[in-house]
Amino acid sequence: MRKLIVACGLLAGAVALAAQSPSIHVRAQEKTIAPKAKPQAPPSAGATSPAKVDTSKEASIRQLMELTGTKSLGVQMMQTGMEQFRANVTESQPDNPRAKQFIDAFVASFQKHFDPDSLTEKIIPIYDKYLSEEDVNGLLQYYRSPLGQRMLKALPEIARESQQAGFSLGQKAAQETLDDLKAEYPDFVSGKDDEKRSGAKPNDQ
């Protein structure tokens, strides 16, 4: 069960990283753009929808997202997360013949429920919140430049390898932490060697 929860957490992390991908692009500039200050109006009763983005600015934001490949980068992040999820579930259920069926069913259902276009619509107000239209147009100019184009070509691989490095470092730290706590909390932490010696079946189901 623990590995299954970790796998779901990694998948959720991929979604979060995909949503944060625009900030990766913004930080690529030599000159950092300060967040645009906006006066905070008190929320009206029952108000739940964000303020409408200016039509001209929204068009510029969409151009920036298209130019920087935010949507395709998000899809790539999701695919990496799915692969990690598949590997973790397979490892946690090596002798379960239904494990592959579960993974395939989960992936199919997840893809049905997760719409990249919806993520795009949620990201646009975030751009609007922190960047002025002048900022967005400046970013468009940067990413249309030779340096910006080189950055865009390198960014997907940088993001992919950075994500893998983060997953690997996190798993290593988690395992070392469990090893540290194993003697003090044996009822919470059990290793594969303990399970083999006791003849008990793993309870990661």
N, C-alpha and C. Protein backbone atom coordinates (compact mmCIF):
# COMPACT_ATOMS: atom_id res chain seq x y z
N MET A 1 0.83 -1.21 0.00
CA MET A 1 0.00 0.00 0.00
C MET A 1 0.86 1.25 0.00
N ARG A 2 1.99 1.21 0.78
CA ARG A 2 2.84 2.39 0.87
C ARG A 2 3.37 2.79 -0.49
N LYS A 3 3.81 1.80 -1.29
CA LYS A 3 4.35 2.12 -2.60
C LYS A 3 3.27 2.64 -3.54
N LEU A 4 2.08 2.12 -3.39
CA LEU A 4 0.97 2.59 -4.23
C LEU A 4 0.67 4.05 -3.92
N ILE A 5 0.70 4.41 -2.62
CA ILE A 5 0.46 5.80 -2.23
C ILE A 5 1.58 6.69 -2.77
N VAL A 6 2.83 6.21 -2.67
CA VAL A 6 3.96 6.98 -3.20
C VAL A 6 3.79 7.19 -4.69
N ALA A 7 3.35 6.15 -5.40
CA ALA A 7 3.17 6.25 -6.85
C ALA A 7 2.13 7.29 -7.19
N CYS A 8 1.02 7.30 -6.46
CA CYS A 8 -0.02 8.30 -6.69
C CYS A 8 0.52 9.70 -6.39
N GLY A 9 1.35 9.79 -5.37
CA GLY A 9 1.93 11.08 -5.04
C GLY A 9 2.85 11.59 -6.13
N LEU A 10 3.62 10.69 -6.71
CA LEU A 10 4.50 11.08 -7.81
C LEU A 10 3.69 11.55 -9.01
N LEU A 11 2.58 10.86 -9.27
CA LEU A 11 1.73 11.25 -10.39
C LEU A 11 1.14 12.63 -10.14
N ALA A 12 0.69 12.87 -8.91
CA ALA A 12 0.17 14.19 -8.57
C ALA A 12 1.25 15.24 -8.71
N GLY A 13 2.48 14.86 -8.37
CA GLY A 13 3.59 15.79 -8.52
C GLY A 13 3.83 16.17 -9.96
N ALA A 14 3.62 15.22 -10.86
CA ALA A 14 3.77 15.52 -12.29
C ALA A 14 2.76 16.54 -12.74
N VAL A 15 1.52 16.42 -12.23
CA VAL A 15 0.48 17.40 -12.56
C VAL A 15 0.89 18.78 -12.06
N ALA A 16 1.38 18.82 -10.82
CA ALA A 16 1.78 20.11 -10.26
C ALA A 16 2.92 20.72 -11.05
N LEU A 17 3.90 19.90 -11.44
CA LEU A 17 5.03 20.40 -12.20
C LEU A 17 4.60 20.89 -13.56
N ALA A 18 3.65 20.20 -14.16
CA ALA A 18 3.13 20.65 -15.45
C ALA A 18 2.47 22.01 -15.30
N ALA A 19 1.72 22.18 -14.23
CA ALA A 19 1.06 23.47 -14.00
C ALA A 19 2.07 24.57 -13.73
N GLN A 20 3.23 24.21 -13.15
CA GLN A 20 4.24 25.20 -12.82
C GLN A 20 5.19 25.47 -13.97
N SER A 21 5.07 24.75 -15.09
CA SER A 21 6.00 24.89 -16.19
C SER A 21 6.13 26.31 -16.71
N PRO A 22 5.06 27.14 -16.71
CA PRO A 22 5.25 28.52 -17.16
C PRO A 22 6.26 29.27 -16.32
N SER A 23 6.33 29.00 -15.01
CA SER A 23 7.29 29.71 -14.17
C SER A 23 8.71 29.31 -14.53
N ILE A 24 8.89 28.07 -15.03
CA ILE A 24 10.21 27.65 -15.49
C ILE A 24 10.63 28.53 -16.66
N HIS A 25 9.69 28.77 -17.58
CA HIS A 25 9.98 29.61 -18.73
C HIS A 25 10.32 31.02 -18.28
N VAL A 26 9.55 31.56 -17.36
CA VAL A 26 9.75 32.94 -16.93
C VAL A 26 11.13 33.11 -16.31
N ARG A 27 11.55 32.13 -15.50
CA ARG A 27 12.84 32.24 -14.83
C ARG A 27 14.01 32.09 -15.79
N ALA A 28 13.75 31.66 -17.03
CA ALA A 28 14.84 31.48 -17.99
C ALA A 28 15.41 32.80 -18.46
N GLN A 29 14.68 33.88 -18.27
CA GLN A 29 15.16 35.17 -18.73
C GLN A 29 16.31 35.65 -17.88
N GLU A 30 17.20 36.45 -18.50
CA GLU A 30 18.31 37.04 -17.76
C GLU A 30 17.79 37.99 -16.69
N LYS A 31 16.81 38.79 -17.04
CA LYS A 31 16.25 39.77 -16.12
C LYS A 31 14.96 39.23 -15.53
N THR A 32 14.92 39.09 -14.23
CA THR A 32 13.73 38.57 -13.58
C THR A 32 12.61 39.59 -13.63
N ILE A 33 11.41 39.13 -13.97
CA ILE A 33 10.26 40.01 -14.01
C ILE A 33 9.55 39.95 -12.67
N ALA A 34 9.41 41.10 -12.05
CA ALA A 34 8.76 41.12 -10.74
C ALA A 34 7.27 40.91 -10.91
N PRO A 35 6.64 40.21 -9.97
CA PRO A 35 5.20 40.01 -10.05
C PRO A 35 4.46 41.34 -10.11
N LYS A 36 3.43 41.36 -10.93
CA LYS A 36 2.63 42.57 -11.07
C LYS A 36 1.74 42.72 -9.85
N ALA A 37 1.84 43.88 -9.20
CA ALA A 37 1.03 44.12 -8.01
C ALA A 37 -0.38 44.48 -8.43
N LYS A 38 -1.34 43.87 -7.77
CA LYS A 38 -2.75 44.17 -8.03
C LYS A 38 -3.45 44.42 -6.71
N PRO A 39 -4.27 45.44 -6.65
CA PRO A 39 -5.02 45.67 -5.41
C PRO A 39 -5.97 44.52 -5.15
N GLN A 40 -6.02 44.11 -3.91
CA GLN A 40 -6.86 42.99 -3.52
C GLN A 40 -8.23 43.49 -3.07
N ALA A 41 -9.23 43.22 -3.87
CA ALA A 41 -10.59 43.64 -3.52
C ALA A 41 -11.23 42.56 -2.67
N PRO A 42 -12.02 42.93 -1.69
CA PRO A 42 -12.68 41.91 -0.86
C PRO A 42 -13.63 41.09 -1.70
N PRO A 43 -13.61 39.74 -1.54
CA PRO A 43 -14.47 38.89 -2.35
C PRO A 43 -15.93 39.12 -2.03
N SER A 44 -16.73 39.14 -3.08
CA SER A 44 -18.16 39.30 -2.87
C SER A 44 -18.77 37.98 -2.43
N ALA A 45 -19.89 38.04 -1.80
CA ALA A 45 -20.53 36.84 -1.27
C ALA A 45 -20.87 35.89 -2.39
N GLY A 46 -20.41 34.65 -2.26
CA GLY A 46 -20.73 33.62 -3.24
C GLY A 46 -19.89 33.69 -4.50
N ALA A 47 -18.90 34.60 -4.56
CA ALA A 47 -18.08 34.71 -5.77
C ALA A 47 -17.05 33.59 -5.78
N THR A 48 -16.99 32.84 -6.86
CA THR A 48 -16.06 31.73 -6.96
C THR A 48 -15.23 31.78 -8.24
N SER A 49 -15.71 32.43 -9.29
CA SER A 49 -15.00 32.45 -10.56
C SER A 49 -13.99 33.59 -10.59
N PRO A 50 -12.80 33.38 -11.25
CA PRO A 50 -11.80 34.43 -11.32
C PRO A 50 -12.25 35.57 -12.21
N ALA A 51 -11.58 36.74 -12.04
CA ALA A 51 -11.92 37.91 -12.84
C ALA A 51 -11.61 37.63 -14.31
N LYS A 52 -12.37 38.23 -15.19
CA LYS A 52 -12.20 38.05 -16.62
C LYS A 52 -10.89 38.68 -17.07
N VAL A 53 -10.11 37.94 -17.85
CA VAL A 53 -8.84 38.44 -18.36
C VAL A 53 -9.13 39.32 -19.57
N ASP A 54 -8.40 40.44 -19.65
CA ASP A 54 -8.55 41.33 -20.80
C ASP A 54 -8.34 40.56 -22.09
N THR A 55 -9.20 40.80 -23.08
CA THR A 55 -9.18 40.02 -24.33
C THR A 55 -7.83 40.11 -25.04
N SER A 56 -7.28 41.32 -25.14
CA SER A 56 -6.00 41.51 -25.82
C SER A 56 -4.88 40.80 -25.07
N LYS A 57 -4.89 40.93 -23.74
CA LYS A 57 -3.85 40.30 -22.93
C LYS A 57 -3.98 38.78 -22.98
N GLU A 58 -5.21 38.29 -22.95
CA GLU A 58 -5.41 36.84 -23.03
C GLU A 58 -4.86 36.28 -24.33
N ALA A 59 -5.07 37.02 -25.43
CA ALA A 59 -4.54 36.57 -26.73
C ALA A 59 -3.01 36.49 -26.69
N SER A 60 -2.38 37.48 -26.03
CA SER A 60 -0.91 37.47 -25.92
C SER A 60 -0.45 36.31 -25.05
N ILE A 61 -1.18 36.04 -23.97
CA ILE A 61 -0.82 34.92 -23.09
C ILE A 61 -0.93 33.60 -23.84
N ARG A 62 -1.99 33.44 -24.62
CA ARG A 62 -2.14 32.21 -25.40
C ARG A 62 -1.00 32.06 -26.41
N GLN A 63 -0.59 33.18 -27.02
CA GLN A 63 0.53 33.13 -27.94
C GLN A 63 1.80 32.68 -27.22
N LEU A 64 2.00 33.22 -26.02
CA LEU A 64 3.19 32.86 -25.25
C LEU A 64 3.17 31.38 -24.87
N MET A 65 2.01 30.90 -24.44
CA MET A 65 1.90 29.50 -24.06
C MET A 65 2.11 28.59 -25.27
N GLU A 66 1.62 29.02 -26.42
CA GLU A 66 1.82 28.23 -27.64
C GLU A 66 3.29 28.25 -28.04
N LEU A 67 3.91 29.42 -27.98
CA LEU A 67 5.31 29.56 -28.37
C LEU A 67 6.23 28.76 -27.46
N THR A 68 5.94 28.77 -26.17
CA THR A 68 6.80 28.07 -25.20
C THR A 68 6.46 26.59 -25.07
N GLY A 69 5.38 26.15 -25.74
CA GLY A 69 5.03 24.73 -25.69
C GLY A 69 4.56 24.28 -24.33
N THR A 70 3.90 25.17 -23.60
CA THR A 70 3.46 24.83 -22.24
C THR A 70 2.56 23.60 -22.22
N LYS A 71 1.63 23.53 -23.17
CA LYS A 71 0.70 22.40 -23.19
C LYS A 71 1.43 21.09 -23.48
N SER A 72 2.30 21.09 -24.50
CA SER A 72 3.01 19.85 -24.85
C SER A 72 3.96 19.44 -23.74
N LEU A 73 4.55 20.45 -23.05
CA LEU A 73 5.43 20.13 -21.93
C LEU A 73 4.64 19.48 -20.81
N GLY A 74 3.42 19.99 -20.58
CA GLY A 74 2.58 19.41 -19.56
C GLY A 74 2.22 17.97 -19.87
N VAL A 75 1.92 17.69 -21.14
CA VAL A 75 1.61 16.32 -21.56
C VAL A 75 2.82 15.42 -21.35
N GLN A 76 4.01 15.94 -21.66
CA GLN A 76 5.23 15.15 -21.47
C GLN A 76 5.46 14.84 -19.98
N MET A 77 5.20 15.84 -19.14
CA MET A 77 5.33 15.62 -17.70
C MET A 77 4.37 14.53 -17.23
N MET A 78 3.14 14.56 -17.76
CA MET A 78 2.15 13.58 -17.37
C MET A 78 2.58 12.17 -17.80
N GLN A 79 3.14 12.07 -19.00
CA GLN A 79 3.60 10.77 -19.47
C GLN A 79 4.71 10.22 -18.59
N THR A 80 5.62 11.10 -18.18
CA THR A 80 6.68 10.68 -17.27
C THR A 80 6.10 10.22 -15.94
N GLY A 81 5.11 10.97 -15.44
CA GLY A 81 4.46 10.58 -14.20
C GLY A 81 3.76 9.24 -14.31
N MET A 82 3.11 8.99 -15.46
CA MET A 82 2.44 7.71 -15.70
C MET A 82 3.44 6.56 -15.71
N GLU A 83 4.58 6.78 -16.34
CA GLU A 83 5.60 5.73 -16.39
C GLU A 83 6.11 5.42 -14.99
N GLN A 84 6.29 6.47 -14.19
CA GLN A 84 6.75 6.26 -12.81
C GLN A 84 5.69 5.53 -12.00
N PHE A 85 4.43 5.92 -12.20
CA PHE A 85 3.32 5.26 -11.52
C PHE A 85 3.28 3.77 -11.88
N ARG A 86 3.40 3.49 -13.17
CA ARG A 86 3.37 2.09 -13.64
C ARG A 86 4.50 1.28 -12.99
N ALA A 87 5.70 1.87 -12.94
CA ALA A 87 6.85 1.16 -12.38
C ALA A 87 6.65 0.88 -10.89
N ASN A 88 6.10 1.86 -10.15
CA ASN A 88 5.92 1.68 -8.71
C ASN A 88 4.85 0.65 -8.39
N VAL A 89 3.75 0.66 -9.15
CA VAL A 89 2.70 -0.33 -8.90
C VAL A 89 3.20 -1.73 -9.24
N THR A 90 3.92 -1.85 -10.35
CA THR A 90 4.45 -3.15 -10.75
C THR A 90 5.41 -3.69 -9.70
N GLU A 91 6.25 -2.80 -9.15
CA GLU A 91 7.20 -3.22 -8.12
C GLU A 91 6.50 -3.64 -6.84
N SER A 92 5.39 -2.94 -6.50
CA SER A 92 4.69 -3.25 -5.26
C SER A 92 3.82 -4.50 -5.37
N GLN A 93 3.49 -4.90 -6.61
CA GLN A 93 2.64 -6.07 -6.82
C GLN A 93 3.28 -7.00 -7.86
N PRO A 94 4.50 -7.48 -7.62
CA PRO A 94 5.21 -8.26 -8.64
C PRO A 94 4.55 -9.60 -8.98
N ASP A 95 3.82 -10.18 -8.03
CA ASP A 95 3.22 -11.50 -8.25
C ASP A 95 1.71 -11.43 -8.46
N ASN A 96 1.20 -10.25 -8.63
CA ASN A 96 -0.24 -10.09 -8.82
C ASN A 96 -0.56 -10.01 -10.31
N PRO A 97 -1.23 -11.01 -10.87
CA PRO A 97 -1.52 -11.00 -12.31
C PRO A 97 -2.47 -9.87 -12.72
N ARG A 98 -3.19 -9.31 -11.75
CA ARG A 98 -4.13 -8.24 -12.07
C ARG A 98 -3.49 -6.85 -12.01
N ALA A 99 -2.21 -6.80 -11.64
CA ALA A 99 -1.54 -5.51 -11.51
C ALA A 99 -1.52 -4.75 -12.83
N LYS A 100 -1.15 -5.44 -13.90
CA LYS A 100 -1.09 -4.78 -15.21
C LYS A 100 -2.48 -4.32 -15.64
N GLN A 101 -3.50 -5.14 -15.37
CA GLN A 101 -4.87 -4.75 -15.72
C GLN A 101 -5.27 -3.49 -14.97
N PHE A 102 -4.90 -3.44 -13.68
CA PHE A 102 -5.22 -2.25 -12.88
C PHE A 102 -4.51 -1.02 -13.43
N ILE A 103 -3.23 -1.16 -13.75
CA ILE A 103 -2.47 -0.02 -14.27
C ILE A 103 -3.09 0.49 -15.57
N ASP A 104 -3.37 -0.45 -16.49
CA ASP A 104 -3.95 -0.04 -17.77
C ASP A 104 -5.30 0.64 -17.58
N ALA A 105 -6.11 0.10 -16.66
CA ALA A 105 -7.42 0.69 -16.40
C ALA A 105 -7.27 2.07 -15.77
N PHE A 106 -6.31 2.21 -14.85
CA PHE A 106 -6.08 3.50 -14.20
C PHE A 106 -5.64 4.55 -15.21
N VAL A 107 -4.67 4.19 -16.05
CA VAL A 107 -4.15 5.13 -17.04
C VAL A 107 -5.25 5.57 -18.00
N ALA A 108 -6.05 4.61 -18.48
CA ALA A 108 -7.13 4.94 -19.40
C ALA A 108 -8.15 5.86 -18.76
N SER A 109 -8.50 5.56 -17.52
CA SER A 109 -9.50 6.37 -16.82
C SER A 109 -8.94 7.75 -16.48
N PHE A 110 -7.68 7.79 -16.08
CA PHE A 110 -7.05 9.07 -15.73
C PHE A 110 -7.00 9.99 -16.95
N GLN A 111 -6.62 9.45 -18.09
CA GLN A 111 -6.55 10.25 -19.30
C GLN A 111 -7.93 10.75 -19.71
N LYS A 112 -8.95 10.00 -19.37
CA LYS A 112 -10.31 10.43 -19.68
C LYS A 112 -10.72 11.60 -18.78
N HIS A 113 -10.26 11.58 -17.54
CA HIS A 113 -10.67 12.60 -16.58
C HIS A 113 -9.78 13.85 -16.62
N PHE A 114 -8.52 13.68 -17.05
CA PHE A 114 -7.59 14.81 -17.06
C PHE A 114 -7.52 15.41 -18.45
N ASP A 115 -7.94 16.67 -18.58
CA ASP A 115 -7.96 17.36 -19.87
C ASP A 115 -6.89 18.45 -19.88
N PRO A 116 -5.84 18.32 -20.72
CA PRO A 116 -4.80 19.36 -20.79
C PRO A 116 -5.35 20.73 -21.13
N ASP A 117 -6.43 20.77 -21.93
CA ASP A 117 -7.03 22.06 -22.28
C ASP A 117 -7.58 22.76 -21.04
N SER A 118 -8.12 22.00 -20.11
CA SER A 118 -8.62 22.58 -18.87
C SER A 118 -7.48 23.17 -18.05
N LEU A 119 -6.33 22.50 -18.07
CA LEU A 119 -5.16 23.02 -17.37
C LEU A 119 -4.74 24.35 -17.97
N THR A 120 -4.79 24.45 -19.30
CA THR A 120 -4.45 25.70 -19.98
C THR A 120 -5.35 26.83 -19.51
N GLU A 121 -6.64 26.56 -19.44
CA GLU A 121 -7.59 27.59 -19.04
C GLU A 121 -7.36 28.04 -17.60
N LYS A 122 -6.86 27.15 -16.76
CA LYS A 122 -6.59 27.51 -15.37
C LYS A 122 -5.28 28.28 -15.23
N ILE A 123 -4.36 28.06 -16.18
CA ILE A 123 -3.06 28.72 -16.11
C ILE A 123 -3.15 30.18 -16.57
N ILE A 124 -4.02 30.46 -17.55
CA ILE A 124 -4.12 31.81 -18.09
C ILE A 124 -4.36 32.86 -17.02
N PRO A 125 -5.31 32.67 -16.08
CA PRO A 125 -5.48 33.68 -15.02
C PRO A 125 -4.26 33.84 -14.12
N ILE A 126 -3.43 32.80 -14.02
CA ILE A 126 -2.21 32.89 -13.21
C ILE A 126 -1.21 33.82 -13.89
N TYR A 127 -1.06 33.65 -15.22
CA TYR A 127 -0.23 34.59 -15.98
C TYR A 127 -0.74 36.02 -15.76
N ASP A 128 -2.05 36.18 -15.88
CA ASP A 128 -2.66 37.50 -15.76
C ASP A 128 -2.42 38.10 -14.38
N LYS A 129 -2.39 37.27 -13.36
CA LYS A 129 -2.21 37.75 -12.00
C LYS A 129 -0.81 38.29 -11.75
N TYR A 130 0.20 37.62 -12.31
CA TYR A 130 1.57 37.98 -11.97
C TYR A 130 2.33 38.73 -13.06
N LEU A 131 1.80 38.78 -14.28
CA LEU A 131 2.49 39.45 -15.37
C LEU A 131 1.59 40.50 -16.00
N SER A 132 2.16 41.67 -16.29
CA SER A 132 1.42 42.68 -17.03
C SER A 132 1.43 42.31 -18.51
N GLU A 133 0.60 43.00 -19.29
CA GLU A 133 0.60 42.72 -20.73
C GLU A 133 1.96 43.09 -21.33
N GLU A 134 2.60 44.11 -20.79
CA GLU A 134 3.93 44.49 -21.25
C GLU A 134 4.93 43.36 -20.97
N ASP A 135 4.81 42.75 -19.80
CA ASP A 135 5.67 41.61 -19.46
C ASP A 135 5.49 40.47 -20.45
N VAL A 136 4.24 40.14 -20.71
CA VAL A 136 3.93 39.03 -21.62
C VAL A 136 4.50 39.30 -23.00
N ASN A 137 4.32 40.53 -23.48
CA ASN A 137 4.85 40.88 -24.80
C ASN A 137 6.37 40.84 -24.81
N GLY A 138 6.98 41.23 -23.68
CA GLY A 138 8.44 41.14 -23.57
C GLY A 138 8.92 39.70 -23.64
N LEU A 139 8.19 38.81 -22.99
CA LEU A 139 8.53 37.38 -23.05
C LEU A 139 8.36 36.83 -24.46
N LEU A 140 7.32 37.26 -25.14
CA LEU A 140 7.12 36.85 -26.53
C LEU A 140 8.32 37.26 -27.38
N GLN A 141 8.79 38.48 -27.18
CA GLN A 141 9.94 38.98 -27.93
C GLN A 141 11.18 38.16 -27.61
N TYR A 142 11.36 37.85 -26.32
CA TYR A 142 12.53 37.06 -25.91
C TYR A 142 12.52 35.67 -26.54
N TYR A 143 11.38 34.98 -26.45
CA TYR A 143 11.33 33.61 -26.94
C TYR A 143 11.32 33.52 -28.45
N ARG A 144 11.10 34.64 -29.13
CA ARG A 144 11.22 34.65 -30.58
C ARG A 144 12.64 34.95 -31.02
N SER A 145 13.50 35.31 -30.07
CA SER A 145 14.90 35.61 -30.37
C SER A 145 15.68 34.31 -30.50
N PRO A 146 16.89 34.35 -31.11
CA PRO A 146 17.71 33.12 -31.22
C PRO A 146 18.00 32.47 -29.87
N LEU A 147 18.32 33.30 -28.86
CA LEU A 147 18.59 32.74 -27.53
C LEU A 147 17.35 32.08 -26.96
N GLY A 148 16.21 32.75 -27.08
CA GLY A 148 14.97 32.18 -26.58
C GLY A 148 14.61 30.88 -27.28
N GLN A 149 14.85 30.81 -28.59
CA GLN A 149 14.57 29.59 -29.33
C GLN A 149 15.46 28.44 -28.87
N ARG A 150 16.74 28.74 -28.59
CA ARG A 150 17.64 27.70 -28.09
C ARG A 150 17.19 27.21 -26.72
N MET A 151 16.71 28.14 -25.90
CA MET A 151 16.22 27.76 -24.57
C MET A 151 15.00 26.86 -24.69
N LEU A 152 14.11 27.18 -25.61
CA LEU A 152 12.90 26.38 -25.79
C LEU A 152 13.23 24.97 -26.24
N LYS A 153 14.26 24.83 -27.08
CA LYS A 153 14.64 23.49 -27.55
C LYS A 153 15.23 22.65 -26.43
N ALA A 154 15.94 23.31 -25.53
CA ALA A 154 16.59 22.56 -24.44
C ALA A 154 15.66 22.31 -23.27
N LEU A 155 14.65 23.17 -23.10
CA LEU A 155 13.83 23.12 -21.89
C LEU A 155 13.11 21.78 -21.66
N PRO A 156 12.50 21.15 -22.68
CA PRO A 156 11.81 19.87 -22.39
C PRO A 156 12.74 18.81 -21.80
N GLU A 157 13.96 18.71 -22.33
CA GLU A 157 14.90 17.72 -21.79
C GLU A 157 15.39 18.13 -20.41
N ILE A 158 15.59 19.43 -20.21
CA ILE A 158 15.99 19.90 -18.88
C ILE A 158 14.91 19.56 -17.86
N ALA A 159 13.65 19.81 -18.23
CA ALA A 159 12.54 19.54 -17.32
C ALA A 159 12.40 18.04 -17.06
N ARG A 160 12.52 17.24 -18.13
CA ARG A 160 12.35 15.79 -17.98
C ARG A 160 13.44 15.21 -17.08
N GLU A 161 14.71 15.57 -17.35
CA GLU A 161 15.81 15.02 -16.56
C GLU A 161 15.79 15.56 -15.14
N SER A 162 15.35 16.82 -14.98
CA SER A 162 15.24 17.38 -13.63
C SER A 162 14.17 16.66 -12.83
N GLN A 163 13.05 16.33 -13.49
CA GLN A 163 11.98 15.61 -12.82
C GLN A 163 12.46 14.22 -12.39
N GLN A 164 13.16 13.53 -13.29
CA GLN A 164 13.67 12.20 -12.97
C GLN A 164 14.67 12.27 -11.82
N ALA A 165 15.51 13.30 -11.84
CA ALA A 165 16.48 13.47 -10.75
C ALA A 165 15.77 13.71 -9.42
N GLY A 166 14.70 14.50 -9.48
CA GLY A 166 13.93 14.76 -8.27
C GLY A 166 13.26 13.51 -7.73
N PHE A 167 12.66 12.70 -8.63
CA PHE A 167 12.04 11.45 -8.22
C PHE A 167 13.07 10.53 -7.57
N SER A 168 14.23 10.40 -8.23
CA SER A 168 15.27 9.50 -7.73
C SER A 168 15.78 9.95 -6.36
N LEU A 169 16.02 11.26 -6.22
CA LEU A 169 16.52 11.79 -4.95
C LEU A 169 15.48 11.62 -3.85
N GLY A 170 14.22 11.84 -4.19
CA GLY A 170 13.15 11.70 -3.21
C GLY A 170 12.99 10.26 -2.75
N GLN A 171 13.06 9.32 -3.68
CA GLN A 171 12.93 7.90 -3.32
C GLN A 171 14.11 7.46 -2.45
N LYS A 172 15.32 7.92 -2.80
CA LYS A 172 16.51 7.56 -2.02
C LYS A 172 16.39 8.11 -0.60
N ALA A 173 15.96 9.37 -0.48
CA ALA A 173 15.82 9.98 0.84
C ALA A 173 14.75 9.27 1.65
N ALA A 174 13.64 8.88 0.98
CA ALA A 174 12.56 8.19 1.68
C ALA A 174 13.03 6.83 2.20
N GLN A 175 13.79 6.10 1.37
CA GLN A 175 14.29 4.79 1.79
C GLN A 175 15.27 4.90 2.94
N GLU A 176 16.16 5.89 2.86
CA GLU A 176 17.14 6.09 3.94
C GLU A 176 16.44 6.51 5.23
N THR A 177 15.38 7.31 5.10
CA THR A 177 14.61 7.71 6.28
C THR A 177 13.94 6.51 6.92
N LEU A 178 13.35 5.63 6.10
CA LEU A 178 12.73 4.41 6.62
C LEU A 178 13.75 3.52 7.31
N ASP A 179 14.96 3.45 6.75
CA ASP A 179 16.02 2.66 7.37
C ASP A 179 16.39 3.24 8.73
N ASP A 180 16.43 4.57 8.83
CA ASP A 180 16.75 5.22 10.11
C ASP A 180 15.71 4.91 11.17
N LEU A 181 14.45 4.84 10.77
CA LEU A 181 13.35 4.67 11.72
C LEU A 181 12.95 3.22 11.95
N LYS A 182 13.56 2.32 11.21
CA LYS A 182 13.15 0.92 11.25
C LYS A 182 13.27 0.32 12.64
N ALA A 183 14.39 0.58 13.33
CA ALA A 183 14.61 -0.02 14.65
C ALA A 183 13.65 0.55 15.69
N GLU A 184 13.36 1.84 15.61
CA GLU A 184 12.50 2.48 16.60
C GLU A 184 11.02 2.24 16.33
N TYR A 185 10.67 2.08 15.04
CA TYR A 185 9.26 1.89 14.68
C TYR A 185 9.09 0.64 13.81
N PRO A 186 9.42 -0.53 14.36
CA PRO A 186 9.33 -1.76 13.54
C PRO A 186 7.90 -2.09 13.12
N ASP A 187 6.91 -1.58 13.89
CA ASP A 187 5.53 -1.87 13.54
C ASP A 187 5.06 -1.06 12.33
N PHE A 188 5.80 0.01 12.01
CA PHE A 188 5.46 0.83 10.85
C PHE A 188 6.36 0.54 9.65
N VAL A 189 7.59 0.15 9.93
CA VAL A 189 8.57 -0.04 8.86
C VAL A 189 9.04 -1.48 8.86
N SER A 190 8.82 -2.17 7.75
CA SER A 190 9.31 -3.54 7.60
C SER A 190 9.97 -3.66 6.25
N GLY A 191 11.13 -4.32 6.22
CA GLY A 191 11.85 -4.49 4.97
C GLY A 191 11.54 -5.81 4.32
N LYS A 192 12.00 -5.95 3.07
CA LYS A 192 11.76 -7.18 2.33
C LYS A 192 12.44 -8.37 3.01
N ASP A 193 13.65 -8.11 3.60
CA ASP A 193 14.36 -9.21 4.28
C ASP A 193 13.56 -9.71 5.47
N ASP A 194 12.92 -8.80 6.20
CA ASP A 194 12.10 -9.21 7.34
C ASP A 194 10.93 -10.05 6.88
N GLU A 195 10.31 -9.65 5.79
CA GLU A 195 9.15 -10.36 5.28
C GLU A 195 9.53 -11.77 4.84
N LYS A 196 10.71 -11.88 4.21
CA LYS A 196 11.17 -13.21 3.76
C LYS A 196 11.44 -14.12 4.95
N ARG A 197 12.09 -13.54 6.00
CA ARG A 197 12.43 -14.36 7.16
C ARG A 197 11.17 -14.82 7.90
N SER A 198 10.20 -13.92 7.96
CA SER A 198 8.98 -14.28 8.68
C SER A 198 8.02 -15.12 7.87
N GLY A 199 8.27 -15.14 6.56
CA GLY A 199 7.39 -15.90 5.68
C GLY A 199 6.08 -15.19 5.42
N ALA A 200 5.98 -13.93 5.89
CA ALA A 200 4.74 -13.17 5.69
C ALA A 200 4.71 -12.60 4.28
N LYS A 201 3.53 -12.44 3.81
CA LYS A 201 3.34 -11.84 2.48
C LYS A 201 3.38 -10.33 2.64
N PRO A 202 3.94 -9.64 1.62
CA PRO A 202 3.95 -8.18 1.70
C PRO A 202 2.55 -7.63 1.83
N ASN A 203 2.38 -6.61 2.64
CA ASN A 203 1.05 -6.04 2.82
C ASN A 203 0.85 -4.78 2.00
N ASP A 204 1.68 -4.58 0.94
CA ASP A 204 1.54 -3.42 0.07
C ASP A 204 0.46 -3.67 -0.97
N GLN A 205 -0.70 -4.05 -0.56
CA GLN A 205 -1.78 -4.34 -1.48
C GLN A 205 -2.93 -3.41 -1.21
